[in-house]
Amino acid sequence: MAEFLLVADQVAPVVEGELPGCAAALALALSVAKHRVAILTLASPEQASRLPGMARRLRSIPTRVGGEDQDLSLFEGRSAVSQCALYVLGAHSDNRGRRAALLASAAASLVRDQICWPDVVVGWGEASALALACSPSAHAALVVPDGRWDQPLSSDERADLDPENPAVAVSHGMLVGLGAIEADMVILPCPSAADAFRSANDLAFRASDQPVTSIHFGCDELPHDPAIDPILAATFSPESPAGKQECRRALARRTSLAVGPRTLLLATGPLDPARGGREILETVSRLGRADVAVVFPAGGDRTLGEQAHVLSLGSPGKVTMFPELGAEAERHILAAADAVLLADAGDQTGRAASLALRYGALPLAPDAGANRDFLVDYDVASLTGCGLLYAPEDPWGGIGAIQRAATLRANADIWQPLLAALMRAAPRWSTTAAALEAMCISPRAA
């Protein structure tokens, strides 16, 4: 058993969102694996005091930011999401350099006061860069959770960093570079992102022998569990998949889609230009008479949403937009969908495809980035694979993937075993935690 300190400027339940939720899910998985886990983050004092179960410590935290000394409140309790010890520094700033300096001061105080004595410090995101050096005896790992890094700090943002820290100058004001200098290893969400990190010219100052690796993030955190989700029309699992058909029928009734027993019920990714929304619309507009019913998620880009609405008016019963917006609506769609059309060729996490697998929906994804790294194209001859990949530069590639999926859906002998296999292929946070443990603990024990 080891003690982990996870440092992140955004983590659930303090902040809502996909990456903050993933940080909490990783902490929970480490805790389930019998490790002691503490989470450090920051929020305004008002926000921190409103979190259930949090109490203000009697002793404040001394910080030094931008040459100024200040005592800040520290709130402590247990995370309602991860069930781990949660420490929230009562401070907030939009200045990236200040957030990094504040987290570093708080982490150092936790260690100095022996509130936490970590064997491993995990920095979740660039804001954790300076905090990685809080304990000289701990193994430090920097996680770049979305596989991307920001531009160098502005002169105003750099003013809040310690000018006597040589790493600040060496990193050229890049927080991810500063984190790489302070870390023993750097972890990215897929091999493609790790390769890009290794070869980035603006990170050439990084030690050439520093380990840079990838870990596949899980997707089985609550509420993403179709076996127990109470909002679904029926629950289902790999061992008992029948409930998915009821979810399919319920969505067809709710959206007035004409879905026959062999019809491919196709959901799409968000209609966001940065995530392939235009390509999705172009692909759906070319479907013609194929036995495919399409449901778009609500939200996303307004212009693309209006175009999707026009498309649905021209194809009643075949194309529609889900009438509700939000996380529950997304789960309703995934639970009903036979397949999900994705078009973000720059995806470095594979999160959308992973969630599709979790709900037994076949991901149709560009053969690039994390999807290329993690999805195996389905092969009918061997009955193996967990997705359908298509060339992102081919305007008809998505159509081909949809046609392949429709053929599979029409063959019950293939589709029923595939449905269970897809759900089993979804990545688990327990596997993510075990991989992190092997990287950060086993080498030290040896």
Protein backbone atom coordinates (compact mmCIF):
# COMPACT_ATOMS: atom_id res chain seq x y z
CA MET A 1 0.00 0.00 0.00
CA ALA A 2 1.29 3.45 -0.95
CA GLU A 3 0.16 6.99 -0.32
CA PHE A 4 -0.80 9.10 -3.35
CA LEU A 5 -1.28 12.86 -3.51
CA LEU A 6 -3.26 13.89 -6.58
CA VAL A 7 -2.90 17.61 -7.38
CA ALA A 8 -5.32 19.21 -9.83
CA ASP A 9 -6.77 22.67 -10.24
CA GLN A 10 -10.01 21.10 -11.47
CA VAL A 11 -11.46 17.94 -9.95
CA ALA A 12 -14.99 16.70 -9.25
CA PRO A 13 -17.04 17.48 -7.21
CA VAL A 14 -15.44 20.92 -6.88
CA VAL A 15 -15.68 21.43 -10.65
CA GLU A 16 -18.02 19.62 -13.03
CA GLY A 17 -16.81 18.32 -16.36
CA GLU A 18 -15.28 15.36 -18.12
CA LEU A 19 -11.61 15.80 -17.17
CA PRO A 20 -12.36 16.81 -13.53
CA GLY A 21 -14.56 13.71 -13.31
CA CYS A 22 -11.77 11.54 -14.68
CA ALA A 23 -9.38 12.86 -12.04
CA ALA A 24 -11.81 11.85 -9.30
CA ALA A 25 -12.38 8.45 -10.95
CA LEU A 26 -8.64 7.76 -10.96
CA ALA A 27 -8.42 8.68 -7.27
CA LEU A 28 -11.29 6.33 -6.47
CA ALA A 29 -9.69 3.48 -8.41
CA LEU A 30 -6.42 3.94 -6.54
CA SER A 31 -8.33 3.95 -3.25
CA VAL A 32 -10.19 0.75 -4.18
CA ALA A 33 -6.76 -0.78 -4.87
CA LYS A 34 -6.00 -0.22 -1.14
CA HIS A 35 -3.82 2.85 -1.54
CA ARG A 36 -4.19 5.95 0.61
CA VAL A 37 -5.21 8.84 -1.61
CA ALA A 38 -5.47 12.55 -0.92
CA ILE A 39 -6.66 15.13 -3.46
CA LEU A 40 -5.52 18.76 -3.46
CA THR A 41 -7.31 21.39 -5.51
CA LEU A 42 -8.38 25.01 -5.22
CA ALA A 43 -11.60 27.00 -5.34
CA SER A 44 -12.91 30.30 -4.07
CA PRO A 45 -13.56 30.31 -0.30
CA GLU A 46 -17.29 30.71 -0.96
CA GLN A 47 -17.38 27.71 -3.28
CA ALA A 48 -15.24 25.58 -0.97
CA SER A 49 -17.43 26.33 2.05
CA ARG A 50 -20.54 25.21 0.14
CA LEU A 51 -19.15 21.75 -0.60
CA PRO A 52 -20.91 19.09 1.53
CA GLY A 53 -18.81 17.71 4.38
CA MET A 54 -15.99 20.25 4.11
CA ALA A 55 -14.61 22.08 7.15
CA ARG A 56 -12.15 24.94 7.39
CA ARG A 57 -8.88 24.00 9.12
CA LEU A 58 -7.97 26.14 12.12
CA ARG A 59 -4.45 26.61 10.78
CA SER A 60 -4.19 28.57 7.54
CA ILE A 61 -1.79 27.84 4.68
CA PRO A 62 1.10 30.27 4.12
CA THR A 63 1.63 31.04 0.44
CA ARG A 64 4.13 33.15 -1.45
CA VAL A 65 2.97 34.25 -4.89
CA GLY A 66 4.48 37.04 -6.95
CA GLY A 67 6.77 38.02 -4.09
CA GLU A 68 3.85 38.48 -1.70
CA ASP A 69 3.16 36.42 1.43
CA GLN A 70 -0.44 35.54 2.21
CA ASP A 71 -2.25 33.16 4.55
CA LEU A 72 -5.13 31.29 2.90
CA SER A 73 -7.82 29.02 4.27
CA LEU A 74 -7.64 25.29 3.67
CA PHE A 75 -10.84 23.25 3.67
CA GLU A 76 -10.75 19.52 4.32
CA GLY A 77 -13.18 16.65 4.17
CA ARG A 78 -13.96 13.66 1.98
CA SER A 79 -14.81 13.80 -1.68
CA ALA A 80 -18.40 12.79 -2.39
CA VAL A 81 -17.24 11.43 -5.76
CA SER A 82 -14.02 9.57 -4.99
CA GLN A 83 -14.48 9.01 -1.22
CA CYS A 84 -10.85 10.13 -0.79
CA ALA A 85 -9.44 12.80 1.51
CA LEU A 86 -10.08 16.15 -0.17
CA TYR A 87 -8.19 19.38 0.52
CA VAL A 88 -9.40 22.59 -1.11
CA LEU A 89 -7.31 25.76 -0.95
CA GLY A 90 -9.56 28.78 -0.60
CA ALA A 91 -8.24 30.74 -3.56
CA HIS A 92 -9.16 31.24 -7.19
CA SER A 93 -7.56 33.02 -10.12
CA ASP A 94 -7.80 33.00 -13.90
CA ASN A 95 -4.03 33.58 -14.00
CA ARG A 96 -2.39 30.25 -14.90
CA GLY A 97 0.88 31.11 -13.22
CA ARG A 98 -0.86 32.12 -10.00
CA ARG A 99 -2.89 28.89 -9.89
CA ALA A 100 0.30 26.86 -10.31
CA ALA A 101 2.05 28.82 -7.54
CA LEU A 102 -0.93 28.50 -5.19
CA LEU A 103 -1.19 24.73 -5.66
CA ALA A 104 2.57 24.41 -5.10
CA SER A 105 2.39 26.36 -1.82
CA ALA A 106 -0.54 24.29 -0.59
CA ALA A 107 1.11 20.98 -1.53
CA ALA A 108 4.32 21.97 0.22
CA SER A 109 2.37 22.90 3.35
CA LEU A 110 0.53 19.57 3.39
CA VAL A 111 3.85 17.73 3.31
CA ARG A 112 5.65 20.07 5.70
CA ASP A 113 2.88 19.79 8.30
CA GLN A 114 2.77 16.00 7.78
CA ILE A 115 -0.90 16.15 6.86
CA CYS A 116 0.11 14.08 3.86
CA TRP A 117 3.39 12.26 3.27
CA PRO A 118 3.06 10.88 -0.25
CA ASP A 119 5.02 8.12 -1.87
CA VAL A 120 3.72 9.34 -5.25
CA VAL A 121 2.64 12.82 -6.32
CA VAL A 122 0.40 12.78 -9.39
CA GLY A 123 -0.02 16.13 -11.09
CA TRP A 124 -3.25 16.20 -13.10
CA GLY A 125 -2.77 18.91 -15.71
CA GLU A 126 -0.35 21.75 -16.25
CA ALA A 127 -1.40 23.73 -13.18
CA SER A 128 0.21 21.03 -11.02
CA ALA A 129 3.67 21.71 -12.50
CA LEU A 130 5.26 23.37 -9.46
CA ALA A 131 3.46 21.15 -6.94
CA LEU A 132 5.30 18.09 -8.25
CA ALA A 133 8.37 19.19 -6.29
CA CYS A 134 6.51 19.39 -2.95
CA SER A 135 8.11 16.20 -1.58
CA PRO A 136 11.72 15.33 -2.46
CA SER A 137 11.22 11.70 -1.43
CA ALA A 138 8.12 11.07 -3.57
CA HIS A 139 7.94 9.81 -7.13
CA ALA A 140 6.41 12.60 -9.25
CA ALA A 141 4.29 11.92 -12.33
CA LEU A 142 2.81 14.61 -14.57
CA VAL A 143 -0.42 13.61 -16.33
CA VAL A 144 -1.47 15.63 -19.40
CA PRO A 145 -5.08 14.40 -19.37
CA ASP A 146 -6.31 15.71 -22.72
CA GLY A 147 -3.06 15.09 -24.59
CA ARG A 148 -2.63 18.81 -25.34
CA TRP A 149 -0.70 21.64 -23.75
CA ASP A 150 -1.15 25.39 -23.67
CA GLN A 151 0.98 28.20 -25.01
CA PRO A 152 3.75 29.69 -22.81
CA LEU A 153 2.67 31.90 -19.94
CA SER A 154 2.33 35.61 -20.61
CA SER A 155 4.66 38.04 -18.87
CA ASP A 156 1.93 38.82 -16.32
CA GLU A 157 1.40 35.12 -15.61
CA ARG A 158 5.12 34.46 -15.25
CA ALA A 159 5.37 37.26 -12.69
CA ASP A 160 3.66 35.01 -10.13
CA LEU A 161 6.30 32.29 -10.45
CA ASP A 162 9.49 32.17 -8.41
CA PRO A 163 12.12 34.05 -10.47
CA GLU A 164 14.89 32.20 -8.63
CA ASN A 165 13.64 28.82 -9.81
CA PRO A 166 15.97 27.91 -12.71
CA ALA A 167 13.35 25.58 -14.19
CA VAL A 168 11.11 28.59 -14.92
CA ALA A 169 13.70 30.03 -17.30
CA VAL A 170 14.63 26.68 -18.82
CA SER A 171 10.99 25.86 -19.62
CA HIS A 172 10.53 29.16 -21.51
CA GLY A 173 7.39 29.88 -19.52
CA MET A 174 5.61 26.67 -20.57
CA LEU A 175 3.80 25.11 -17.63
CA VAL A 176 3.84 21.66 -19.22
CA GLY A 177 7.59 22.03 -19.73
CA LEU A 178 8.04 23.14 -16.13
CA GLY A 179 6.03 20.11 -15.05
CA ALA A 180 8.17 17.82 -17.20
CA ILE A 181 11.31 19.20 -15.54
CA GLU A 182 9.91 18.61 -12.05
CA ALA A 183 8.42 15.17 -12.86
CA ASP A 184 10.12 11.81 -12.90
CA MET A 185 7.83 10.75 -15.75
CA VAL A 186 5.16 12.20 -18.03
CA ILE A 187 1.90 10.35 -18.76
CA LEU A 188 -0.41 11.07 -21.68
CA PRO A 189 -3.79 9.52 -22.58
CA CYS A 190 -2.70 7.65 -25.74
CA PRO A 191 0.48 6.58 -27.57
CA SER A 192 -0.07 9.16 -30.34
CA ALA A 193 -0.09 11.97 -27.79
CA ALA A 194 3.02 10.53 -26.11
CA ASP A 195 4.82 10.45 -29.48
CA ALA A 196 3.86 14.08 -30.12
CA PHE A 197 5.13 15.07 -26.67
CA ARG A 198 8.48 13.35 -27.21
CA SER A 199 9.02 15.03 -30.58
CA ALA A 200 7.71 18.53 -29.75
CA ASN A 201 10.34 21.12 -30.67
CA ASP A 202 9.18 23.52 -27.96
CA LEU A 203 9.94 20.81 -25.36
CA ALA A 204 13.44 20.04 -26.62
CA PHE A 205 14.92 21.17 -23.27
CA ARG A 206 13.35 18.13 -21.57
CA ALA A 207 15.75 15.40 -20.45
CA SER A 208 16.08 12.95 -23.34
CA ASP A 209 15.97 9.92 -21.04
CA GLN A 210 12.84 10.99 -19.16
CA PRO A 211 10.12 8.33 -19.44
CA VAL A 212 7.14 9.51 -21.49
CA THR A 213 4.36 6.97 -21.68
CA SER A 214 0.59 6.61 -22.04
CA ILE A 215 -2.23 5.12 -19.99
CA HIS A 216 -5.67 4.30 -21.34
CA PHE A 217 -8.18 6.10 -19.11
CA GLY A 218 -11.19 4.18 -17.88
CA CYS A 219 -14.83 5.06 -18.50
CA ASP A 220 -16.74 3.02 -15.92
CA GLU A 221 -17.14 5.74 -13.30
CA LEU A 222 -20.66 6.57 -12.13
CA PRO A 223 -23.11 7.40 -13.52
CA HIS A 224 -21.80 5.57 -16.60
CA ASP A 225 -23.03 2.09 -15.63
CA PRO A 226 -25.95 0.79 -17.71
CA ALA A 227 -26.32 -2.14 -15.32
CA ILE A 228 -27.63 0.09 -12.51
CA ASP A 229 -28.48 3.49 -14.05
CA PRO A 230 -32.04 4.28 -12.81
CA ILE A 231 -32.82 6.83 -15.54
CA LEU A 232 -32.66 4.26 -18.35
CA ALA A 233 -35.76 2.53 -19.70
CA ALA A 234 -34.09 -0.77 -18.76
CA THR A 235 -30.73 -1.80 -17.39
CA PHE A 236 -28.35 -4.16 -19.15
CA SER A 237 -24.87 -5.67 -18.94
CA PRO A 238 -22.64 -8.03 -20.96
CA GLU A 239 -24.16 -10.97 -19.06
CA SER A 240 -27.73 -9.70 -19.50
CA PRO A 241 -27.89 -7.50 -22.62
CA ALA A 242 -31.64 -7.76 -23.30
CA GLY A 243 -32.40 -4.42 -21.63
CA LYS A 244 -30.62 -2.54 -24.39
CA GLN A 245 -33.42 -3.49 -26.80
CA GLU A 246 -35.96 -1.86 -24.48
CA CYS A 247 -33.80 1.29 -24.36
CA ARG A 248 -33.72 1.21 -28.17
CA ARG A 249 -37.50 0.93 -28.40
CA ALA A 250 -38.00 3.67 -25.81
CA LEU A 251 -35.83 6.13 -27.74
CA ALA A 252 -37.58 5.27 -31.02
CA ARG A 253 -40.96 6.05 -29.42
CA ARG A 254 -39.68 9.24 -27.84
CA THR A 255 -38.19 10.61 -31.07
CA SER A 256 -40.70 9.12 -33.56
CA LEU A 257 -37.95 7.31 -35.44
CA ALA A 258 -38.91 4.40 -37.67
CA VAL A 259 -36.71 1.65 -36.24
CA GLY A 260 -37.28 -1.88 -37.47
CA PRO A 261 -35.74 -5.04 -35.99
CA ARG A 262 -32.74 -4.79 -38.36
CA THR A 263 -32.47 -1.01 -38.59
CA LEU A 264 -29.15 0.46 -37.45
CA LEU A 265 -29.92 3.08 -34.79
CA LEU A 266 -27.02 5.49 -35.23
CA ALA A 267 -26.13 8.21 -32.74
CA THR A 268 -23.58 10.87 -33.60
CA GLY A 269 -20.91 12.77 -31.77
CA PRO A 270 -21.47 16.42 -30.81
CA LEU A 271 -22.16 18.83 -33.67
CA ASP A 272 -19.10 20.88 -32.83
CA PRO A 273 -16.86 22.14 -35.67
CA ALA A 274 -13.76 21.41 -33.56
CA ARG A 275 -14.87 17.77 -33.12
CA GLY A 276 -15.87 16.96 -36.69
CA GLY A 277 -19.44 18.25 -36.55
CA ARG A 278 -19.45 19.43 -40.17
CA GLU A 279 -18.14 16.06 -41.37
CA ILE A 280 -20.86 14.27 -39.39
CA LEU A 281 -23.60 16.35 -41.02
CA GLU A 282 -22.13 15.81 -44.48
CA THR A 283 -21.98 12.05 -43.91
CA VAL A 284 -25.55 11.79 -42.64
CA SER A 285 -26.84 13.85 -45.57
CA ARG A 286 -25.45 11.19 -47.96
CA LEU A 287 -27.10 8.17 -46.37
CA GLY A 288 -29.88 7.94 -48.94
CA ARG A 289 -32.16 4.90 -48.56
CA ALA A 290 -29.96 2.91 -46.20
CA ASP A 291 -31.79 1.16 -43.35
CA VAL A 292 -30.35 3.57 -40.81
CA ALA A 293 -32.07 5.87 -38.31
CA VAL A 294 -30.00 8.77 -36.98
CA VAL A 295 -30.31 10.71 -33.73
CA PHE A 296 -28.26 13.86 -33.16
CA PRO A 297 -27.50 15.01 -29.59
CA ALA A 298 -28.87 18.41 -28.67
CA GLY A 299 -26.52 21.32 -28.08
CA GLY A 300 -23.24 21.97 -29.82
CA ASP A 301 -22.78 24.60 -32.48
CA ARG A 302 -25.94 26.59 -33.17
CA THR A 303 -25.46 26.82 -36.94
CA LEU A 304 -24.78 23.10 -37.26
CA GLY A 305 -27.77 22.38 -35.04
CA GLU A 306 -30.01 24.38 -37.37
CA GLN A 307 -28.65 22.45 -40.35
CA ALA A 308 -29.35 19.19 -38.54
CA HIS A 309 -32.93 20.34 -37.90
CA VAL A 310 -33.42 21.10 -41.60
CA LEU A 311 -32.01 17.65 -42.41
CA SER A 312 -34.47 16.01 -40.02
CA LEU A 313 -37.41 17.86 -41.63
CA GLY A 314 -36.44 16.37 -44.99
CA SER A 315 -36.15 12.85 -43.55
CA PRO A 316 -39.01 12.34 -41.07
CA GLY A 317 -38.74 9.08 -39.19
CA LYS A 318 -35.14 8.65 -40.34
CA VAL A 319 -33.26 11.60 -38.83
CA THR A 320 -34.03 13.51 -35.62
CA MET A 321 -32.46 15.53 -32.85
CA PHE A 322 -32.91 14.34 -29.28
CA PRO A 323 -35.31 16.75 -27.57
CA GLU A 324 -33.31 17.19 -24.36
CA LEU A 325 -29.87 18.49 -23.48
CA GLY A 326 -27.49 17.33 -20.75
CA ALA A 327 -25.68 14.36 -19.26
CA GLU A 328 -28.83 12.28 -18.73
CA ALA A 329 -29.86 12.80 -22.34
CA GLU A 330 -26.44 11.60 -23.51
CA ARG A 331 -26.85 8.40 -21.47
CA HIS A 332 -30.31 7.79 -22.90
CA ILE A 333 -28.87 8.09 -26.42
CA LEU A 334 -25.87 5.84 -25.79
CA ALA A 335 -28.00 3.20 -24.07
CA ALA A 336 -30.27 3.00 -27.14
CA ALA A 337 -27.72 3.38 -29.93
CA ASP A 338 -26.43 0.46 -31.98
CA ALA A 339 -23.48 2.55 -33.21
CA VAL A 340 -21.99 6.01 -32.69
CA LEU A 341 -20.53 8.05 -35.55
CA LEU A 342 -17.46 10.03 -34.43
CA ALA A 343 -15.44 12.39 -36.61
CA ASP A 344 -12.82 14.08 -34.41
CA ALA A 345 -9.54 13.10 -36.07
CA GLY A 346 -7.62 15.02 -33.40
CA ASP A 347 -9.09 13.12 -30.44
CA GLN A 348 -6.24 12.25 -28.05
CA THR A 349 -8.26 10.56 -25.29
CA GLY A 350 -10.62 8.13 -27.05
CA ARG A 351 -13.18 8.99 -24.37
CA ALA A 352 -16.16 9.17 -26.76
CA ALA A 353 -15.39 5.76 -28.25
CA SER A 354 -14.84 4.29 -24.78
CA LEU A 355 -18.23 5.48 -23.56
CA ALA A 356 -19.86 4.06 -26.69
CA LEU A 357 -18.32 0.68 -25.85
CA ARG A 358 -19.51 0.98 -22.25
CA TYR A 359 -23.10 1.14 -23.52
CA GLY A 360 -22.72 -1.56 -26.17
CA ALA A 361 -22.65 0.86 -29.10
CA LEU A 362 -20.22 0.19 -31.94
CA PRO A 363 -17.89 3.22 -32.40
CA LEU A 364 -17.37 4.35 -36.00
CA ALA A 365 -14.29 6.53 -35.75
CA PRO A 366 -11.51 8.14 -37.81
CA ASP A 367 -8.38 6.03 -38.14
CA ALA A 368 -6.29 8.60 -36.27
CA GLY A 369 -5.17 9.65 -32.81
CA ALA A 370 -6.46 7.77 -29.80
CA ASN A 371 -9.06 5.89 -31.84
CA ARG A 372 -6.33 4.39 -34.01
CA ASP A 373 -4.34 3.55 -30.88
CA PHE A 374 -7.12 1.82 -28.95
CA LEU A 375 -9.80 0.56 -31.35
CA VAL A 376 -9.38 -2.67 -33.30
CA ASP A 377 -11.27 -2.72 -36.60
CA TYR A 378 -13.90 -5.45 -36.54
CA ASP A 379 -13.11 -8.50 -38.64
CA VAL A 380 -16.04 -10.70 -39.65
CA ALA A 381 -13.87 -13.73 -40.42
CA SER A 382 -12.37 -13.94 -36.93
CA LEU A 383 -15.23 -12.17 -35.11
CA THR A 384 -12.72 -9.90 -33.38
CA GLY A 385 -12.51 -6.15 -32.99
CA CYS A 386 -14.33 -3.40 -31.13
CA GLY A 387 -14.93 -0.64 -33.69
CA LEU A 388 -15.03 0.37 -37.33
CA LEU A 389 -12.27 2.69 -38.47
CA TYR A 390 -12.35 4.86 -41.58
CA ALA A 391 -9.88 7.20 -43.27
CA PRO A 392 -10.51 10.73 -41.94
CA GLU A 393 -9.44 12.35 -45.22
CA ASP A 394 -11.93 10.28 -47.25
CA PRO A 395 -15.27 12.13 -47.63
CA TRP A 396 -17.03 8.78 -48.18
CA GLY A 397 -15.19 6.94 -45.40
CA GLY A 398 -17.93 7.55 -42.86
CA ILE A 399 -20.57 6.25 -45.27
CA GLY A 400 -18.60 3.06 -45.73
CA ALA A 401 -18.32 2.57 -41.97
CA ILE A 402 -22.08 3.09 -41.55
CA GLN A 403 -22.83 0.58 -44.29
CA ARG A 404 -20.54 -1.98 -42.64
CA ALA A 405 -22.26 -1.37 -39.30
CA ALA A 406 -25.71 -1.76 -40.89
CA THR A 407 -24.67 -5.11 -42.39
CA LEU A 408 -23.47 -6.32 -38.98
CA ARG A 409 -26.65 -5.11 -37.28
CA ALA A 410 -28.81 -7.04 -39.75
CA ASN A 411 -27.06 -10.33 -38.89
CA ALA A 412 -28.33 -11.47 -35.49
CA ASP A 413 -25.76 -14.28 -35.28
CA ILE A 414 -22.98 -11.70 -35.41
CA TRP A 415 -24.64 -8.79 -33.62
CA GLN A 416 -25.69 -10.41 -30.35
CA PRO A 417 -22.21 -11.74 -29.45
CA LEU A 418 -20.69 -8.45 -30.65
CA LEU A 419 -22.95 -6.46 -28.33
CA ALA A 420 -21.62 -8.23 -25.25
CA ALA A 421 -18.04 -8.08 -26.54
CA LEU A 422 -18.26 -4.31 -26.99
CA MET A 423 -19.30 -3.78 -23.38
CA ARG A 424 -16.51 -6.00 -22.13
CA ALA A 425 -13.99 -4.05 -24.24
CA ALA A 426 -14.72 -0.76 -22.49
CA PRO A 427 -11.64 0.35 -20.50
CA ARG A 428 -11.82 0.22 -16.69
CA TRP A 429 -10.40 2.64 -14.16
CA SER A 430 -9.09 -0.32 -12.16
CA THR A 431 -6.83 -1.11 -15.12
CA THR A 432 -5.75 2.54 -15.32
CA ALA A 433 -4.88 2.55 -11.61
CA ALA A 434 -2.96 -0.73 -11.89
CA ALA A 435 -0.91 0.67 -14.78
CA LEU A 436 -0.12 3.85 -12.81
CA GLU A 437 0.85 1.75 -9.80
CA ALA A 438 3.20 -0.36 -11.92
CA MET A 439 4.86 2.73 -13.35
CA CYS A 440 5.24 4.72 -10.15
CA ILE A 441 5.60 2.16 -7.35
CA SER A 442 7.10 -1.04 -8.72
CA PRO A 443 10.27 0.63 -10.08
CA ARG A 444 10.89 2.28 -6.70
CA ALA A 445 10.38 -0.98 -4.85
CA ALA A 446 12.89 -2.66 -7.12
